[in-house]
């Protein structure tokens, strides 16, 4: 009875990671403050984290990747730091806190103890939203077997293909019930997301994993042809999904995603200036777009050649920069953007629409986390480039190379959007980071 029970449990744990990723992808497709689905993900994530530390010690987790472990600890500490109450003589002298002080003075109230965050409840919510991504990371590096990881990747590809089909139903004039959020892009193939751009991010992340099936060396006899057909079919479906998606970032990143995946996973040529240019091109392109949108000289050109969403995005960038200057180097606290941005919004451009996020992850991190957040962000980017250099010429570590490409696509897209603000994308991003970390540890 005992061995049989353990065999059954072992069999079901193979699907543990895949099941949780599916739940996160289905319920975590929005950055909106919708409590109930996020609460379920946080509860399940907490249980998984607890299970990890029943099996492994903190020192064992730290040994897997000291560098990433330090970044995670610093991120958690920074969230908690913004929730720490401070006496009035400290917080009232920090940059930007005169706004709060003025309110208390106008009401003839004495200054109370206040945390660094301008909205502690939102900061706490943002902190709890880290739990699913942390759970995926810990399970992947500490508990998951190779079979469990392969099942999770296959489940991710199946989910991505399903979202393309669901998107087609959504744009075919089907029932509104096929849209899962009140605030969404009606008439667009958003699938399980509230924002069509984030659905595009999901499909982009799936491309390298689909193409990697062309390069699997452990095929069974007679299966290479089937794997080739599956790889081509899935890649084609993902490509069609991106072409029908309507996301400009999806259009612009499709060819780089296909080209970089084919090079790193199939060709694996030596690094040279040309290929380094291929890798740098998406960053340069999106940075150029950011600079163009921020440049007031190009206002008339923007109004002529860009749609309304792009024009409003340039205004968001400009207002965010003003807010950064005002609150730097302390920042406003995680999750506070939507409350702070209206203070710096151009009154002449105020409409019935609002900006829930900065549409640029890098600007928003510096606004909310200040200088320390910017340093942590740059530290992660440095680690990523170091990892890319280590795996670019490798003939092994297929999954790590897939993860390198997938994370790159998310980081580039984050220059003009906020995919990592959804639990769905943040958990997949965390999964990819864990694949890189796991590969680095196994190669030591």
Protein backbone atom coordinates (compact mmCIF):
# COMPACT_ATOMS: atom_id res chain seq x y z
CA UNK A 1 0.00 0.00 0.00
CA UNK A 2 2.80 2.38 0.93
CA UNK A 3 4.94 1.97 -2.22
CA UNK A 4 1.85 2.07 -4.42
CA UNK A 5 0.68 5.28 -2.78
CA UNK A 6 4.09 6.88 -3.25
CA UNK A 7 4.06 5.76 -6.89
CA UNK A 8 0.69 7.44 -7.44
CA UNK A 9 1.89 10.63 -5.73
CA UNK A 10 5.08 10.61 -7.81
CA UNK A 11 3.02 10.21 -10.96
CA UNK A 12 0.78 13.17 -10.15
CA UNK A 13 3.70 15.43 -9.16
CA UNK A 14 4.81 15.25 -12.78
CA UNK A 15 1.86 17.50 -13.58
CA UNK A 16 2.27 19.82 -10.57
CA UNK A 17 4.14 22.57 -12.38
CA UNK A 18 2.06 22.32 -15.55
CA UNK A 19 -1.19 22.51 -13.60
CA UNK A 20 -0.14 25.60 -11.63
CA UNK A 21 1.13 27.36 -14.75
CA UNK A 22 -2.18 26.66 -16.48
CA UNK A 23 -4.13 28.07 -13.53
CA UNK A 24 -1.93 31.18 -13.50
CA UNK A 25 -2.33 31.65 -17.25
CA UNK A 26 -6.11 31.27 -17.04
CA UNK A 27 -6.76 33.41 -13.94
CA UNK A 28 -3.86 35.86 -13.99
CA UNK A 29 -4.39 37.59 -17.31
CA UNK A 30 -4.90 41.11 -16.02
CA UNK A 31 -3.17 43.80 -13.96
CA UNK A 32 -6.55 45.08 -12.75
CA UNK A 33 -7.38 45.00 -9.04
CA UNK A 34 -9.58 41.90 -9.18
CA UNK A 35 -9.09 40.22 -5.83
CA UNK A 36 -10.71 36.79 -5.98
CA UNK A 37 -8.78 35.06 -8.81
CA UNK A 38 -5.49 36.55 -7.62
CA UNK A 39 -6.26 35.40 -4.08
CA UNK A 40 -6.62 31.80 -5.25
CA UNK A 41 -3.29 31.99 -7.06
CA UNK A 42 -1.61 33.49 -4.01
CA UNK A 43 -3.01 30.78 -1.72
CA UNK A 44 -1.90 27.96 -4.02
CA UNK A 45 1.46 29.66 -4.50
CA UNK A 46 1.94 29.93 -0.73
CA UNK A 47 1.20 26.21 -0.35
CA UNK A 48 3.74 25.37 -3.04
CA UNK A 49 6.39 27.58 -1.42
CA UNK A 50 5.73 25.91 1.93
CA UNK A 51 6.07 22.50 0.30
CA UNK A 52 9.39 23.53 -1.25
CA UNK A 53 10.85 24.50 2.13
CA UNK A 54 9.65 21.23 3.64
CA UNK A 55 11.87 19.49 1.10
CA UNK A 56 14.76 21.95 0.81
CA UNK A 57 16.48 24.41 3.13
CA UNK A 58 17.03 28.08 2.39
CA UNK A 59 20.77 27.42 2.04
CA UNK A 60 20.06 24.78 -0.62
CA UNK A 61 17.92 27.24 -2.55
CA UNK A 62 20.65 29.86 -2.21
CA UNK A 63 23.28 27.45 -3.56
CA UNK A 64 21.32 26.95 -6.78
CA UNK A 65 21.94 30.57 -7.73
CA UNK A 66 23.36 32.95 -5.12
CA UNK A 67 23.07 35.94 -7.47
CA UNK A 68 19.37 35.52 -8.32
CA UNK A 69 18.63 34.56 -4.71
CA UNK A 70 20.12 37.86 -3.54
CA UNK A 71 18.03 39.77 -6.10
CA UNK A 72 14.88 37.99 -4.91
CA UNK A 73 15.67 38.70 -1.25
CA UNK A 74 16.38 42.36 -2.04
CA UNK A 75 13.10 42.65 -3.96
CA UNK A 76 11.13 41.20 -1.05
CA UNK A 77 12.99 43.42 1.44
CA UNK A 78 12.33 46.50 -0.71
CA UNK A 79 8.58 45.80 -0.74
CA UNK A 80 8.58 45.41 3.04
CA UNK A 81 10.69 48.54 3.45
CA UNK A 82 7.98 50.61 1.76
CA UNK A 83 5.45 49.25 4.29
CA UNK A 84 7.55 50.17 7.35
CA UNK A 85 5.95 53.05 9.33
CA UNK A 86 8.25 56.03 9.85
CA UNK A 87 7.98 58.96 12.29
CA UNK A 88 6.81 62.30 10.85
CA UNK A 89 10.19 64.02 11.09
CA UNK A 90 11.61 61.41 8.69
CA UNK A 91 8.93 60.86 6.07
CA UNK A 92 7.89 64.50 5.83
CA UNK A 93 11.41 65.46 4.73
CA UNK A 94 11.59 62.88 1.94
CA UNK A 95 11.17 63.95 -1.73
CA UNK A 96 7.55 64.35 -2.79
CA UNK A 97 6.02 63.81 0.65
CA UNK A 98 5.01 67.46 0.89
CA UNK A 99 1.83 66.44 -0.95
CA UNK A 100 0.75 64.32 2.03
CA UNK A 101 1.96 66.85 4.58
CA UNK A 102 -0.07 69.60 2.91
CA UNK A 103 -3.23 67.51 3.22
CA UNK A 104 -2.78 66.94 6.96
CA UNK A 105 -1.96 70.61 7.53
CA UNK A 106 -5.04 71.72 5.60
CA UNK A 107 -7.19 69.51 7.86
CA UNK A 108 -5.43 70.83 10.98
CA UNK A 109 -4.28 67.31 11.87
CA UNK A 110 -0.98 66.37 13.41
CA UNK A 111 1.34 64.34 11.22
CA UNK A 112 1.07 60.60 11.98
CA UNK A 113 3.57 57.85 11.39
CA UNK A 114 3.51 56.97 7.70
CA UNK A 115 5.17 54.29 5.55
CA UNK A 116 7.34 55.17 2.58
CA UNK A 117 4.62 53.99 0.20
CA UNK A 118 2.01 56.58 -0.74
CA UNK A 119 -0.56 53.75 -0.93
CA UNK A 120 0.35 50.94 1.52
CA UNK A 121 -2.66 48.80 0.59
CA UNK A 122 -1.57 48.73 -3.06
CA UNK A 123 2.01 48.04 -2.09
CA UNK A 124 0.85 45.07 -0.01
CA UNK A 125 -1.23 43.86 -2.95
CA UNK A 126 1.79 44.14 -5.23
CA UNK A 127 3.89 42.21 -2.73
CA UNK A 128 1.34 39.38 -2.57
CA UNK A 129 1.24 39.27 -6.38
CA UNK A 130 4.88 38.14 -6.29
CA UNK A 131 3.90 34.84 -4.62
CA UNK A 132 2.83 32.85 -7.74
CA UNK A 133 6.00 33.79 -9.65
CA UNK A 134 8.18 32.96 -6.63
CA UNK A 135 6.41 29.61 -6.24
CA UNK A 136 7.04 28.69 -9.88
CA UNK A 137 10.71 29.66 -9.56
CA UNK A 138 11.27 27.62 -6.39
CA UNK A 139 9.43 24.53 -7.61
CA UNK A 140 11.35 24.59 -10.90
CA UNK A 141 14.83 24.84 -9.39
CA UNK A 142 14.28 22.71 -6.27
CA UNK A 143 11.64 20.06 -6.87
CA UNK A 144 10.81 19.61 -10.54
CA UNK A 145 12.25 16.65 -12.43
CA UNK A 146 13.21 16.89 -16.09
CA UNK A 147 10.00 15.06 -17.00
CA UNK A 148 7.93 17.54 -14.98
CA UNK A 149 9.60 20.46 -16.75
CA UNK A 150 9.05 18.93 -20.21
CA UNK A 151 5.39 18.35 -19.34
CA UNK A 152 5.09 21.97 -18.17
CA UNK A 153 6.57 23.26 -21.43
CA UNK A 154 4.29 21.05 -23.53
CA UNK A 155 1.33 22.24 -21.47
CA UNK A 156 2.39 25.85 -22.10
CA UNK A 157 2.51 25.25 -25.86
CA UNK A 158 -0.89 23.56 -25.79
CA UNK A 159 -2.29 26.50 -23.84
CA UNK A 160 -0.82 29.00 -26.33
CA UNK A 161 -2.41 27.14 -29.25
CA UNK A 162 -5.76 27.07 -27.43
CA UNK A 163 -5.59 30.84 -26.91
CA UNK A 164 -5.20 31.35 -30.66
CA UNK A 165 -8.38 29.33 -31.25
CA UNK A 166 -10.21 31.20 -28.48
CA UNK A 167 -9.09 34.50 -29.99
CA UNK A 168 -10.54 33.52 -33.35
CA UNK A 169 -13.89 32.83 -31.70
CA UNK A 170 -13.74 36.20 -29.95
CA UNK A 171 -13.22 38.15 -33.18
CA UNK A 172 -15.85 36.15 -35.07
CA UNK A 173 -18.67 37.97 -33.31
CA UNK A 174 -19.21 35.27 -30.70
CA UNK A 175 -20.98 35.80 -27.39
CA UNK A 176 -19.49 38.41 -25.02
CA UNK A 177 -19.17 35.59 -22.48
CA UNK A 178 -15.95 34.62 -24.24
CA UNK A 179 -14.37 37.78 -22.81
CA UNK A 180 -13.37 37.26 -19.19
CA UNK A 181 -12.92 40.88 -18.07
CA UNK A 182 -15.21 43.90 -18.11
CA UNK A 183 -12.30 46.21 -18.95
CA UNK A 184 -10.82 44.64 -22.06
CA UNK A 185 -10.32 45.12 -25.82
CA UNK A 186 -13.72 44.14 -27.25
CA UNK A 187 -13.57 42.70 -30.73
CA UNK A 188 -9.89 41.76 -30.31
CA UNK A 189 -8.42 38.26 -29.80
CA UNK A 190 -7.38 38.76 -26.17
CA UNK A 191 -8.06 35.10 -25.19
CA UNK A 192 -7.65 34.81 -21.39
CA UNK A 193 -6.14 38.28 -21.05
CA UNK A 194 -7.75 41.67 -20.64
CA UNK A 195 -5.19 43.35 -22.94
CA UNK A 196 -4.45 42.19 -26.46
CA UNK A 197 -0.79 43.20 -26.10
CA UNK A 198 -0.30 40.72 -23.28
CA UNK A 199 -1.79 37.93 -25.37
CA UNK A 200 0.82 38.84 -27.98
CA UNK A 201 3.54 38.55 -25.31
CA UNK A 202 2.35 35.05 -24.45
CA UNK A 203 2.48 33.92 -28.10
CA UNK A 204 5.94 35.46 -28.55
CA UNK A 205 7.24 33.60 -25.49
CA UNK A 206 5.94 30.31 -26.90
CA UNK A 207 7.76 30.63 -30.24
CA UNK A 208 11.26 29.56 -29.11
CA UNK A 209 9.85 26.55 -27.26
CA UNK A 210 7.91 25.52 -30.36
CA UNK A 211 10.93 25.86 -32.64
CA UNK A 212 13.12 23.96 -30.16
CA UNK A 213 11.21 20.75 -30.96
CA UNK A 214 13.17 20.72 -34.22
CA UNK A 215 16.36 20.21 -32.25
CA UNK A 216 15.48 17.55 -29.68
CA UNK A 217 18.23 14.91 -29.68
CA UNK A 218 16.53 12.36 -27.45
CA UNK A 219 13.78 11.44 -29.92
CA UNK A 220 12.57 7.91 -29.93
CA UNK A 221 12.87 5.84 -33.07
CA UNK A 222 10.40 6.94 -35.71
CA UNK A 223 9.42 10.14 -33.90
CA UNK A 224 11.65 12.82 -35.50
CA UNK A 225 9.26 13.31 -38.41
CA UNK A 226 6.30 13.74 -36.06
CA UNK A 227 8.26 16.21 -33.91
CA UNK A 228 9.19 18.19 -37.02
CA UNK A 229 5.56 18.38 -38.13
CA UNK A 230 4.43 19.38 -34.64
CA UNK A 231 7.09 22.07 -34.40
CA UNK A 232 6.21 23.58 -37.77
CA UNK A 233 2.47 23.36 -37.08
CA UNK A 234 2.67 24.98 -33.63
CA UNK A 235 5.03 27.70 -34.86
CA UNK A 236 2.70 28.42 -37.78
CA UNK A 237 -0.33 28.64 -35.47
CA UNK A 238 1.51 31.01 -33.14
CA UNK A 239 2.60 33.14 -36.10
CA UNK A 240 -0.95 33.33 -37.45
CA UNK A 241 -2.17 34.22 -33.97
CA UNK A 242 0.29 37.10 -33.76
CA UNK A 243 -0.58 38.35 -37.25
CA UNK A 244 -4.28 38.40 -36.35
CA UNK A 245 -3.67 39.78 -32.87
CA UNK A 246 -3.48 43.45 -33.79
CA UNK A 247 -0.69 44.30 -31.35
CA UNK A 248 1.93 46.56 -32.92
CA UNK A 249 4.60 45.20 -30.58
CA UNK A 250 3.59 41.70 -31.61
CA UNK A 251 4.07 42.59 -35.28
CA UNK A 252 7.45 44.21 -34.69
CA UNK A 253 8.80 41.39 -32.52
CA UNK A 254 7.55 38.45 -34.60
CA UNK A 255 10.44 38.33 -37.08
CA UNK A 256 13.13 38.90 -34.40
CA UNK A 257 11.54 36.11 -32.34
CA UNK A 258 11.57 33.69 -35.27
CA UNK A 259 15.05 34.66 -36.42
CA UNK A 260 16.68 34.61 -32.99
CA UNK A 261 15.01 31.30 -32.12
CA UNK A 262 16.18 29.68 -35.33
CA UNK A 263 19.73 30.93 -34.81
CA UNK A 264 20.14 30.01 -31.13
CA UNK A 265 18.27 26.72 -31.30
CA UNK A 266 19.05 25.38 -34.77
CA UNK A 267 22.07 27.13 -36.35
CA UNK A 268 24.01 27.95 -33.16
CA UNK A 269 26.66 29.84 -35.08
CA UNK A 270 29.55 31.64 -33.49
CA UNK A 271 28.87 35.08 -32.10
CA UNK A 272 29.95 37.90 -34.34
CA UNK A 273 29.09 41.53 -34.74
CA UNK A 274 26.23 40.75 -37.13
CA UNK A 275 24.48 38.42 -34.70
CA UNK A 276 25.12 40.71 -31.77
CA UNK A 277 23.42 43.37 -33.87
CA UNK A 278 20.45 41.04 -34.35
CA UNK A 279 20.12 40.67 -30.58
CA UNK A 280 20.59 44.39 -29.92
CA UNK A 281 18.27 45.53 -32.73
CA UNK A 282 14.97 44.99 -30.85
CA UNK A 283 16.28 46.95 -27.85
CA UNK A 284 17.57 49.75 -30.07
CA UNK A 285 14.32 49.84 -32.04
CA UNK A 286 12.10 50.09 -28.98
CA UNK A 287 14.38 52.60 -27.27
CA UNK A 288 14.18 54.69 -30.44
CA UNK A 289 10.39 54.44 -30.32
CA UNK A 290 10.44 55.56 -26.68
CA UNK A 291 12.68 58.49 -27.53
CA UNK A 292 10.43 59.43 -30.43
CA UNK A 293 7.31 59.30 -28.28
CA UNK A 294 8.97 61.42 -25.60
CA UNK A 295 10.26 64.05 -28.00
CA UNK A 296 7.96 67.10 -28.03
CA UNK A 297 9.38 68.21 -31.38
CA UNK A 298 7.68 65.27 -33.06
CA UNK A 299 4.23 66.04 -31.67
CA UNK A 300 2.69 67.03 -35.01
CA UNK A 301 4.21 63.98 -36.71
CA UNK A 302 2.91 61.69 -33.98
CA UNK A 303 -0.58 63.10 -34.32
CA UNK A 304 -0.47 62.41 -38.03
CA UNK A 305 1.03 58.90 -38.25
CA UNK A 306 0.21 57.36 -34.85
CA UNK A 307 -3.17 56.30 -33.54
CA UNK A 308 -4.72 57.75 -30.41
CA UNK A 309 -3.34 55.05 -28.13
CA UNK A 310 0.21 55.83 -29.23
CA UNK A 311 -0.31 59.55 -28.73
CA UNK A 312 -1.64 59.00 -25.20
CA UNK A 313 1.30 56.68 -24.53
CA UNK A 314 3.76 59.48 -25.29
CA UNK A 315 1.88 61.67 -22.83
CA UNK A 316 2.05 58.91 -20.22
CA UNK A 317 5.82 58.65 -20.68
CA UNK A 318 6.25 62.40 -20.28
CA UNK A 319 4.08 62.52 -17.14
CA UNK A 320 5.91 59.52 -15.67
CA UNK A 321 9.27 61.21 -16.20
CA UNK A 322 8.00 64.31 -14.38
CA UNK A 323 6.85 62.13 -11.49
CA UNK A 324 10.22 60.36 -11.35
CA UNK A 325 12.05 63.67 -11.04
CA UNK A 326 9.67 64.79 -8.29
CA UNK A 327 9.95 61.68 -6.09
CA UNK A 328 13.51 60.60 -6.88
CA UNK A 329 15.47 58.90 -5.32
CA UNK A 330 12.93 57.40 -2.88
CA UNK A 331 10.06 56.64 -5.24
CA UNK A 332 6.36 56.40 -4.49
CA UNK A 333 6.04 52.74 -3.47
CA UNK A 334 5.08 49.59 -5.41
CA UNK A 335 1.64 49.66 -7.00
CA UNK A 336 1.11 53.42 -6.66
CA UNK A 337 1.40 54.51 -10.29
CA UNK A 338 -2.32 54.89 -11.01
CA UNK A 339 -2.70 57.15 -7.96
CA UNK A 340 0.41 59.25 -8.55
CA UNK A 341 0.27 59.75 -12.32
CA UNK A 342 -2.89 61.95 -12.36
CA UNK A 343 -0.95 64.54 -10.31
CA UNK A 344 1.40 64.99 -13.27
CA UNK A 345 -1.02 64.47 -16.13
CA UNK A 346 -1.36 67.30 -18.64
CA UNK A 347 -4.74 68.86 -17.86
CA UNK A 348 -5.23 69.74 -21.53
CA UNK A 349 -5.14 66.04 -22.49
CA UNK A 350 -7.35 64.59 -19.75
CA UNK A 351 -10.10 62.38 -21.20
CA UNK A 352 -12.49 59.72 -19.94
CA UNK A 353 -9.73 57.13 -20.29
CA UNK A 354 -7.05 56.64 -17.65
CA UNK A 355 -3.56 55.16 -17.45
CA UNK A 356 -3.46 52.10 -15.15
CA UNK A 357 0.27 51.60 -15.74
CA UNK A 358 3.18 53.54 -17.25
CA UNK A 359 3.37 51.32 -20.38
CA UNK A 360 7.11 51.18 -19.74
CA UNK A 361 8.24 48.78 -17.02
CA UNK A 362 11.61 50.45 -16.62
CA UNK A 363 10.18 53.92 -16.05
CA UNK A 364 7.54 52.55 -13.68
CA UNK A 365 10.07 50.60 -11.61
CA UNK A 366 12.18 53.74 -11.11
CA UNK A 367 9.07 55.78 -10.24
CA UNK A 368 7.72 53.29 -7.71
CA UNK A 369 10.96 51.84 -6.29
CA UNK A 370 13.26 54.81 -6.75
CA UNK A 371 17.02 54.49 -7.08
CA UNK A 372 17.23 51.11 -5.32
CA UNK A 373 14.68 49.62 -7.69
CA UNK A 374 16.61 50.92 -10.66
CA UNK A 375 19.80 49.32 -9.33
CA UNK A 376 18.08 45.95 -8.85
CA UNK A 377 16.62 46.16 -12.34
CA UNK A 378 20.00 46.89 -13.90
CA UNK A 379 21.56 44.06 -11.86
CA UNK A 380 19.06 41.59 -13.35
CA UNK A 381 19.63 42.88 -16.88
CA UNK A 382 23.39 42.46 -16.38
CA UNK A 383 22.81 38.84 -15.27
CA UNK A 384 20.65 38.23 -18.33
CA UNK A 385 23.29 39.52 -20.78
CA UNK A 386 25.93 37.44 -19.02
CA UNK A 387 23.71 34.37 -19.36
CA UNK A 388 23.06 35.13 -23.03
CA UNK A 389 26.79 35.27 -23.71
CA UNK A 390 27.29 31.93 -21.96
CA UNK A 391 24.60 30.08 -23.93
CA UNK A 392 24.72 31.74 -27.35
CA UNK A 393 27.41 29.37 -28.67
CA UNK A 394 26.35 26.34 -26.65
CA UNK A 395 25.30 23.13 -28.35
CA UNK A 396 23.57 22.00 -25.17
CA UNK A 397 21.08 23.50 -22.70
CA UNK A 398 18.24 23.71 -25.20
CA UNK A 399 15.69 24.81 -22.61
CA UNK A 400 17.98 27.51 -21.23
CA UNK A 401 18.38 28.96 -24.73
CA UNK A 402 14.61 28.94 -25.18
CA UNK A 403 14.26 30.75 -21.88
CA UNK A 404 16.90 33.31 -22.87
CA UNK A 405 14.91 34.21 -25.99
CA UNK A 406 11.53 34.24 -24.21
CA UNK A 407 12.77 36.56 -21.45
CA UNK A 408 14.39 38.85 -24.02
CA UNK A 409 11.08 39.23 -25.85
CA UNK A 410 9.30 40.13 -22.60
CA UNK A 411 11.98 42.65 -21.62
CA UNK A 412 11.85 44.34 -25.01
CA UNK A 413 8.05 44.44 -25.03
CA UNK A 414 8.20 45.96 -21.53
CA UNK A 415 9.68 49.14 -22.99
CA UNK A 416 6.26 50.00 -24.44
CA UNK A 417 3.87 47.99 -22.28
CA UNK A 418 3.45 46.25 -18.93
CA UNK A 419 3.14 42.46 -19.49
CA UNK A 420 5.01 41.65 -16.25
CA UNK A 421 2.25 43.38 -14.27
CA UNK A 422 0.04 40.36 -15.00
CA UNK A 423 0.48 37.18 -12.95
CA UNK A 424 0.21 35.11 -16.15
CA UNK A 425 3.28 36.64 -17.81
CA UNK A 426 5.24 37.13 -14.59
CA UNK A 427 4.93 33.43 -13.72
CA UNK A 428 6.04 32.37 -17.21
CA UNK A 429 8.92 34.84 -17.00
CA UNK A 430 9.87 33.39 -13.61
CA UNK A 431 9.68 29.88 -15.06
CA UNK A 432 12.10 30.89 -17.82
CA UNK A 433 14.51 32.48 -15.33
CA UNK A 434 14.38 29.26 -13.31
CA UNK A 435 15.23 27.22 -16.41
CA UNK A 436 18.34 29.36 -16.93
CA UNK A 437 19.33 29.10 -13.26
CA UNK A 438 18.76 25.34 -13.23
CA UNK A 439 20.93 24.89 -16.32
CA UNK A 440 23.72 27.00 -14.83
CA UNK A 441 23.66 24.96 -11.61
CA UNK A 442 23.69 21.62 -13.46
CA UNK A 443 26.67 22.73 -15.56
CA UNK A 444 28.82 23.64 -12.55
